[in-house]
Amino acid sequence: MTSPSEMFESQPDMFGTEAAPTYRPDPEKVRARLHNMLAEARSAQVIPWSRPVLTLYKTIFPEMSQHLPDDEAKQLCFEFENEIARLEAA
């Protein structure tokens, strides 16, 4: 008689054995998007986005920057944070 554990061991893998491909964003596209967000903030006199969009940008800007070289990411985040602080003070 076959035990339950032996029954499952003989079953084929329903989900395949290959790992799902990893998504790696194009650094040039990430860089362009971050520079566009920063340019929009720099050109504004008041916050140019709704509160939900501002909250989203504050979250995704540093996350997106992680796909760039560390020094560049830090500089872009620093500049973005300064622009947001300027706009929030206006």
Protein backbone atom coordinates (compact mmCIF):
# COMPACT_ATOMS: atom_id res chain seq x y z
CA MET A 1 0.00 0.00 0.00
CA THR A 2 1.25 3.51 -0.87
CA SER A 3 1.55 6.00 1.96
CA PRO A 4 0.12 9.52 1.49
CA SER A 5 3.61 11.09 1.48
CA GLU A 6 4.77 8.72 -1.26
CA MET A 7 1.72 9.60 -3.31
CA PHE A 8 2.59 13.30 -3.26
CA GLU A 9 6.26 12.71 -3.98
CA SER A 10 5.39 11.00 -7.24
CA GLN A 11 3.14 13.85 -8.39
CA PRO A 12 4.60 16.16 -11.03
CA ASP A 13 5.28 19.75 -9.99
CA MET A 14 2.18 21.72 -11.01
CA PHE A 15 4.00 25.04 -10.92
CA GLY A 16 7.09 24.13 -12.92
CA THR A 17 10.64 24.02 -11.76
CA GLU A 18 11.87 27.24 -13.35
CA ALA A 19 11.96 30.38 -11.27
CA ALA A 20 9.97 33.32 -12.53
CA PRO A 21 12.10 35.83 -14.42
CA THR A 22 13.24 38.78 -12.33
CA TYR A 23 12.20 42.22 -13.52
CA ARG A 24 15.06 44.69 -13.70
CA PRO A 25 14.04 48.19 -14.72
CA ASP A 26 16.10 50.05 -17.28
CA PRO A 27 18.24 52.55 -15.32
CA GLU A 28 17.94 55.10 -18.13
CA LYS A 29 14.14 55.01 -17.93
CA VAL A 30 14.25 55.23 -14.13
CA ARG A 31 16.66 58.16 -14.32
CA ALA A 32 14.45 59.97 -16.84
CA ARG A 33 11.33 59.46 -14.72
CA LEU A 34 13.06 60.73 -11.57
CA HIS A 35 14.44 63.77 -13.39
CA ASN A 36 10.96 64.52 -14.75
CA MET A 37 9.44 64.37 -11.27
CA LEU A 38 12.22 66.58 -9.92
CA ALA A 39 11.84 69.09 -12.77
CA GLU A 40 8.10 69.29 -12.15
CA ALA A 41 8.72 70.05 -8.47
CA ARG A 42 11.44 72.61 -9.25
CA SER A 43 9.26 74.53 -11.68
CA ALA A 44 6.32 74.77 -9.27
CA GLN A 45 5.55 77.53 -6.80
CA VAL A 46 3.11 75.32 -4.89
CA ILE A 47 2.77 71.55 -4.69
CA PRO A 48 1.73 70.56 -8.23
CA TRP A 49 0.16 67.25 -7.23
CA SER A 50 -2.85 66.13 -5.24
CA ARG A 51 -2.15 64.87 -1.72
CA PRO A 52 -2.42 61.17 -2.78
CA VAL A 53 -0.01 61.71 -5.69
CA LEU A 54 2.42 63.59 -3.43
CA THR A 55 2.30 60.71 -0.94
CA LEU A 56 2.91 58.25 -3.77
CA TYR A 57 5.86 60.27 -5.12
CA LYS A 58 7.40 60.54 -1.65
CA THR A 59 7.27 56.74 -1.46
CA ILE A 60 8.30 55.73 -4.96
CA PHE A 61 11.03 58.31 -5.57
CA PRO A 62 13.50 56.72 -3.13
CA GLU A 63 12.42 53.22 -4.16
CA MET A 64 12.98 53.94 -7.84
CA SER A 65 16.32 55.57 -7.13
CA GLN A 66 17.61 52.24 -5.79
CA HIS A 67 17.99 51.15 -9.42
CA LEU A 68 20.68 53.79 -9.96
CA PRO A 69 24.25 54.03 -8.68
CA ASP A 70 24.28 54.80 -4.96
CA ASP A 71 25.82 58.29 -5.17
CA GLU A 72 23.42 59.36 -7.89
CA ALA A 73 20.44 57.94 -6.00
CA LYS A 74 21.40 59.79 -2.81
CA GLN A 75 21.85 63.07 -4.67
CA LEU A 76 18.52 62.80 -6.48
CA CYS A 77 16.69 61.92 -3.26
CA PHE A 78 18.36 64.84 -1.47
CA GLU A 79 17.28 67.24 -4.22
CA PHE A 80 13.73 65.85 -4.31
CA GLU A 81 13.35 66.10 -0.53
CA ASN A 82 14.58 69.70 -0.62
CA GLU A 83 12.09 70.61 -3.33
CA ILE A 84 9.23 68.97 -1.43
CA ALA A 85 10.22 70.82 1.75
CA ARG A 86 10.30 74.10 -0.20
CA LEU A 87 6.88 73.46 -1.70
CA GLU A 88 5.33 72.38 1.59
CA ALA A 89 6.62 75.57 3.23
CA ALA A 90 5.07 77.75 0.50
